Amino acid sequence: MYRQGDVLIVSVAEHAVPTHVTDAPGEPRDARGRMVLALGEVTGHAHAVTGPGRLVREPGPFGPMLLHLPEGGRVVHEEHAAIPLPKGWYRVVRQREYLPGAVRIVAD
């Protein structure tokens, strides 16, 4: 399990990854070639992964993201130390904040 700011990255066994995810197209990379896990609404900084792989986002605003790194990768952010990730599948979870009557993703 890895955490960088408001992003949690949890290893997932390959046999537990749904078939529709393994065949789904990945999210587009940003202009710098990174897979963006969370974009800072306030600062413009991003929690992103470098290296070969795919980021698949399930439908809906709180839908989970699954990250596949066939050769490993690194989680980078302008204000945090980089985190190396071994090859494999990961679930990416954004921290949420409870407000009476609502739940929202934490703004960076």
C-alpha atoms as a PDB file:
ATOM      1  CA  MET A   1       0.000   0.000   0.000  1.00  0.00           C
ATOM      2  CA  TYR A   2       1.323   3.438  -0.940  1.00  0.00           C
ATOM      3  CA  ARG A   3       0.096   6.932  -0.134  1.00  0.00           C
ATOM      4  CA  GLN A   4       1.047  10.269  -1.626  1.00  0.00           C
ATOM      5  CA  GLY A   5      -0.986  13.193  -0.307  1.00  0.00           C
ATOM      6  CA  ASP A   6      -4.692  12.477  -0.839  1.00  0.00           C
ATOM      7  CA  VAL A   7      -4.049   9.492  -3.149  1.00  0.00           C
ATOM      8  CA  LEU A   8      -3.904   5.892  -1.874  1.00  0.00           C
ATOM      9  CA  ILE A   9      -2.500   3.180  -4.160  1.00  0.00           C
ATOM     10  CA  VAL A  10      -3.303  -0.427  -3.235  1.00  0.00           C
ATOM     11  CA  SER A  11      -1.872  -3.510  -4.925  1.00  0.00           C
ATOM     12  CA  VAL A  12      -4.457  -5.795  -6.580  1.00  0.00           C
ATOM     13  CA  ALA A  13      -3.869  -9.451  -7.435  1.00  0.00           C
ATOM     14  CA  GLU A  14      -4.014 -10.001 -11.189  1.00  0.00           C
ATOM     15  CA  HIS A  15      -6.762 -12.644 -10.875  1.00  0.00           C
ATOM     16  CA  ALA A  16      -8.940 -10.083  -9.012  1.00  0.00           C
ATOM     17  CA  VAL A  17      -8.900  -7.542 -11.870  1.00  0.00           C
ATOM     18  CA  PRO A  18     -12.250  -7.646 -13.741  1.00  0.00           C
ATOM     19  CA  THR A  19     -12.023  -8.823 -17.354  1.00  0.00           C
ATOM     20  CA  HIS A  20     -13.733  -5.677 -18.662  1.00  0.00           C
ATOM     21  CA  VAL A  21     -10.902  -3.624 -17.102  1.00  0.00           C
ATOM     22  CA  THR A  22      -8.095  -5.623 -18.712  1.00  0.00           C
ATOM     23  CA  ASP A  23      -9.675  -5.020 -22.142  1.00  0.00           C
ATOM     24  CA  ALA A  24     -10.778  -1.397 -21.557  1.00  0.00           C
ATOM     25  CA  PRO A  25      -8.968   1.519 -23.213  1.00  0.00           C
ATOM     26  CA  GLY A  26      -6.800   3.535 -20.871  1.00  0.00           C
ATOM     27  CA  GLU A  27      -7.157   7.187 -19.927  1.00  0.00           C
ATOM     28  CA  PRO A  28      -5.186   9.593 -22.126  1.00  0.00           C
ATOM     29  CA  ARG A  29      -1.835  10.774 -20.793  1.00  0.00           C
ATOM     30  CA  ASP A  30      -1.172  14.441 -20.106  1.00  0.00           C
ATOM     31  CA  ALA A  31       1.064  16.665 -22.264  1.00  0.00           C
ATOM     32  CA  ARG A  32       4.111  15.428 -20.313  1.00  0.00           C
ATOM     33  CA  GLY A  33       3.284  11.774 -21.030  1.00  0.00           C
ATOM     34  CA  ARG A  34       2.140  10.981 -17.473  1.00  0.00           C
ATOM     35  CA  MET A  35      -0.903   9.070 -16.228  1.00  0.00           C
ATOM     36  CA  VAL A  36      -2.601  11.590 -13.917  1.00  0.00           C
ATOM     37  CA  LEU A  37      -4.140  10.047 -10.791  1.00  0.00           C
ATOM     38  CA  ALA A  38      -5.289  13.350  -9.266  1.00  0.00           C
ATOM     39  CA  LEU A  39      -4.989  16.924 -10.472  1.00  0.00           C
ATOM     40  CA  GLY A  40      -4.694  19.691  -7.892  1.00  0.00           C
ATOM     41  CA  GLU A  41      -7.636  22.035  -8.402  1.00  0.00           C
ATOM     42  CA  VAL A  42      -5.942  24.799  -6.420  1.00  0.00           C
ATOM     43  CA  THR A  43      -2.233  24.421  -7.248  1.00  0.00           C
ATOM     44  CA  GLY A  44      -2.368  22.758 -10.669  1.00  0.00           C
ATOM     45  CA  HIS A  45       0.094  20.132  -9.426  1.00  0.00           C
ATOM     46  CA  ALA A  46      -0.615  16.489 -10.216  1.00  0.00           C
ATOM     47  CA  HIS A  47      -0.174  13.106  -8.598  1.00  0.00           C
ATOM     48  CA  ALA A  48       0.928  11.184 -11.675  1.00  0.00           C
ATOM     49  CA  VAL A  49       2.626   7.954 -12.722  1.00  0.00           C
ATOM     50  CA  THR A  50       5.509   7.765 -15.148  1.00  0.00           C
ATOM     51  CA  GLY A  51       6.494   4.662 -17.074  1.00  0.00           C
ATOM     52  CA  PRO A  52       4.707   2.242 -19.361  1.00  0.00           C
ATOM     53  CA  GLY A  53       1.213   1.195 -18.393  1.00  0.00           C
ATOM     54  CA  ARG A  54      -2.471   2.090 -18.449  1.00  0.00           C
ATOM     55  CA  LEU A  55      -4.873   3.884 -16.146  1.00  0.00           C
ATOM     56  CA  VAL A  56      -8.486   2.707 -16.440  1.00  0.00           C
ATOM     57  CA  ARG A  57     -11.230   4.809 -14.840  1.00  0.00           C
ATOM     58  CA  GLU A  58     -14.556   3.203 -13.968  1.00  0.00           C
ATOM     59  CA  PRO A  59     -17.678   5.312 -14.717  1.00  0.00           C
ATOM     60  CA  GLY A  60     -18.957   7.905 -12.251  1.00  0.00           C
ATOM     61  CA  PRO A  61     -17.351  10.674 -10.205  1.00  0.00           C
ATOM     62  CA  PHE A  62     -16.323   8.276  -7.412  1.00  0.00           C
ATOM     63  CA  GLY A  63     -15.601   5.330  -9.692  1.00  0.00           C
ATOM     64  CA  PRO A  64     -12.352   3.583  -8.872  1.00  0.00           C
ATOM     65  CA  MET A  65      -9.296   3.814 -11.066  1.00  0.00           C
ATOM     66  CA  LEU A  66      -7.189   0.775 -11.830  1.00  0.00           C
ATOM     67  CA  LEU A  67      -3.555   1.164 -12.808  1.00  0.00           C
ATOM     68  CA  HIS A  68      -1.547  -1.462 -14.695  1.00  0.00           C
ATOM     69  CA  LEU A  69       2.247  -1.175 -14.636  1.00  0.00           C
ATOM     70  CA  PRO A  70       3.752  -4.037 -16.666  1.00  0.00           C
ATOM     71  CA  GLU A  71       7.315  -2.886 -15.894  1.00  0.00           C
ATOM     72  CA  GLY A  72       6.776  -0.857 -12.731  1.00  0.00           C
ATOM     73  CA  GLY A  73       6.692   2.930 -12.523  1.00  0.00           C
ATOM     74  CA  ARG A  74       6.999   5.950 -10.236  1.00  0.00           C
ATOM     75  CA  VAL A  75       4.373   8.154  -8.605  1.00  0.00           C
ATOM     76  CA  VAL A  76       5.503  11.773  -8.886  1.00  0.00           C
ATOM     77  CA  HIS A  77       4.244  15.114  -7.565  1.00  0.00           C
ATOM     78  CA  GLU A  78       5.810  18.558  -7.467  1.00  0.00           C
ATOM     79  CA  GLU A  79       5.620  18.763  -3.655  1.00  0.00           C
ATOM     80  CA  HIS A  80       6.224  15.126  -2.606  1.00  0.00           C
ATOM     81  CA  ALA A  81       9.060  12.629  -2.935  1.00  0.00           C
ATOM     82  CA  ALA A  82       8.664  10.153  -5.808  1.00  0.00           C
ATOM     83  CA  ILE A  83       7.415   6.665  -4.894  1.00  0.00           C
ATOM     84  CA  PRO A  84       8.647   3.657  -6.901  1.00  0.00           C
ATOM     85  CA  LEU A  85       5.968   1.053  -7.693  1.00  0.00           C
ATOM     86  CA  PRO A  86       6.754  -2.554  -8.636  1.00  0.00           C
ATOM     87  CA  LYS A  87       5.104  -4.048 -11.716  1.00  0.00           C
ATOM     88  CA  GLY A  88       1.505  -5.158 -11.288  1.00  0.00           C
ATOM     89  CA  TRP A  89      -2.073  -3.921 -10.900  1.00  0.00           C
ATOM     90  CA  TYR A  90      -3.186  -1.230  -8.447  1.00  0.00           C
ATOM     91  CA  ARG A  91      -6.432   0.368  -7.291  1.00  0.00           C
ATOM     92  CA  VAL A  92      -6.171   4.146  -6.951  1.00  0.00           C
ATOM     93  CA  VAL A  93      -8.337   5.651  -4.208  1.00  0.00           C
ATOM     94  CA  ARG A  94      -8.885   9.389  -3.716  1.00  0.00           C
ATOM     95  CA  GLN A  95      -9.420  10.591  -0.170  1.00  0.00           C
ATOM     96  CA  ARG A  96     -12.991  11.724   0.396  1.00  0.00           C
ATOM     97  CA  GLU A  97     -14.388  14.260   2.785  1.00  0.00           C
ATOM     98  CA  TYR A  98     -17.730  13.961   4.554  1.00  0.00           C
ATOM     99  CA  LEU A  99     -19.966  16.995   4.669  1.00  0.00           C
ATOM    100  CA  PRO A 100     -23.412  16.670   6.244  1.00  0.00           C
ATOM    101  CA  GLY A 101     -25.616  15.358   3.450  1.00  0.00           C
ATOM    102  CA  ALA A 102     -22.784  14.872   0.946  1.00  0.00           C
ATOM    103  CA  VAL A 103     -19.444  13.264   0.209  1.00  0.00           C
ATOM    104  CA  ARG A 104     -16.822  14.922  -1.974  1.00  0.00           C
ATOM    105  CA  ILE A 105     -13.295  14.226  -3.129  1.00  0.00           C
ATOM    106  CA  VAL A 106     -10.720  16.253  -1.220  1.00  0.00           C
ATOM    107  CA  ALA A 107      -9.434  19.253  -3.203  1.00  0.00           C
ATOM    108  CA  ASP A 108      -5.662  19.601  -3.362  1.00  0.00           C
END
